[in-house]
Amino acid sequence: SDLSAFEQRCREWPLVRECHMLNGEIDFILKCVAPDLSTFQSFLTAQLTSAPNVASVKTSLVIRCAKDEPGVPFEVLEDRLAKLV
């Protein structure tokens, strides 16, 4: 499918660090990391927006990070496991 093809393409782009399929108006959200704005702009214009079946792209740049806690808290995992037993 077109969505699977896009996911595969995202796996091949080094600047794309995360690719998540969404439910709703937007199909995907990508987290990209580039060394500078020029490299990011080149990626947008030469690769992402020109990819097959990409109708539109909206971008936002991170200004600063207020919190970054990757992973799942143990409490959430414990609650989930308790419900399975």
Protein backbone atom coordinates (compact mmCIF):
# COMPACT_ATOMS: atom_id res chain seq x y z
CA SER A 1 0.00 0.00 0.00
CA ASP A 2 0.97 3.66 -0.31
CA LEU A 3 1.25 3.99 3.47
CA SER A 4 3.61 1.03 3.73
CA ALA A 5 5.71 2.43 0.90
CA PHE A 6 5.98 5.75 2.73
CA GLU A 7 6.99 3.98 5.95
CA GLN A 8 9.71 2.12 4.05
CA ARG A 9 10.93 5.36 2.53
CA CYS A 10 11.14 6.91 6.02
CA ARG A 11 13.30 3.99 7.18
CA GLU A 12 15.74 4.83 4.38
CA TRP A 13 16.08 8.56 5.16
CA PRO A 14 18.85 9.11 7.75
CA LEU A 15 17.39 12.46 8.90
CA VAL A 16 14.12 10.77 9.92
CA ARG A 17 14.68 9.48 13.45
CA GLU A 18 11.05 8.59 14.23
CA CYS A 19 8.03 7.89 12.03
CA HIS A 20 4.60 7.39 13.60
CA MET A 21 1.35 6.66 11.76
CA LEU A 22 -1.53 8.66 13.24
CA ASN A 23 -5.28 8.28 13.37
CA GLY A 24 -7.17 11.29 12.08
CA GLU A 25 -6.56 14.13 9.65
CA ILE A 26 -2.77 13.68 9.55
CA ASP A 27 -1.32 10.37 8.34
CA PHE A 28 2.19 10.55 9.79
CA ILE A 29 4.34 12.56 12.16
CA LEU A 30 8.09 12.47 11.64
CA LYS A 31 10.86 13.47 13.99
CA CYS A 32 13.85 14.61 11.95
CA VAL A 33 17.31 15.58 13.13
CA ALA A 34 19.55 17.64 10.84
CA PRO A 35 22.91 19.29 11.52
CA ASP A 36 21.60 22.66 10.32
CA LEU A 37 18.56 24.37 8.83
CA SER A 38 19.99 24.28 5.31
CA THR A 39 20.30 20.48 5.39
CA PHE A 40 16.76 20.17 6.73
CA GLN A 41 15.43 22.49 4.01
CA SER A 42 17.21 20.46 1.33
CA PHE A 43 15.67 17.26 2.72
CA LEU A 44 12.21 18.85 2.68
CA THR A 45 12.41 20.16 -0.86
CA ALA A 46 14.41 17.42 -2.56
CA GLN A 47 13.11 14.32 -0.81
CA LEU A 48 10.10 14.60 1.48
CA THR A 49 7.79 16.91 -0.48
CA SER A 50 8.73 15.25 -3.77
CA ALA A 51 8.05 11.72 -2.48
CA PRO A 52 5.18 9.86 -4.17
CA ASN A 53 1.77 10.34 -2.53
CA VAL A 54 2.92 13.21 -0.27
CA ALA A 55 0.20 15.82 -0.72
CA SER A 56 1.28 18.31 1.94
CA VAL A 57 3.87 18.81 4.65
CA LYS A 58 3.68 20.96 7.78
CA THR A 59 6.83 21.60 9.79
CA SER A 60 7.63 22.89 13.26
CA LEU A 61 11.04 23.44 14.80
CA VAL A 62 11.84 22.70 18.42
CA ILE A 63 12.90 25.87 20.22
CA ARG A 64 13.76 24.16 23.48
CA CYS A 65 12.96 21.00 25.38
CA ALA A 66 11.14 21.34 28.71
CA LYS A 67 11.10 17.60 29.42
CA ASP A 68 12.56 14.51 27.78
CA GLU A 69 11.82 11.21 29.51
CA PRO A 70 11.90 8.36 27.03
CA GLY A 71 10.44 4.98 27.88
CA VAL A 72 7.45 3.87 29.91
CA PRO A 73 7.28 4.44 33.69
CA PHE A 74 7.45 1.24 35.75
CA GLU A 75 4.07 2.03 37.37
CA VAL A 76 2.37 1.92 33.98
CA LEU A 77 4.04 -1.39 33.13
CA GLU A 78 3.14 -2.88 36.51
CA ASP A 79 -0.51 -1.80 36.15
CA ARG A 80 -0.65 -3.28 32.66
CA LEU A 81 0.90 -6.57 33.78
CA ALA A 82 -1.48 -6.79 36.75
CA LYS A 83 -4.46 -6.54 34.38
CA LEU A 84 -3.11 -9.40 32.26
CA VAL A 85 -2.91 -11.83 35.19
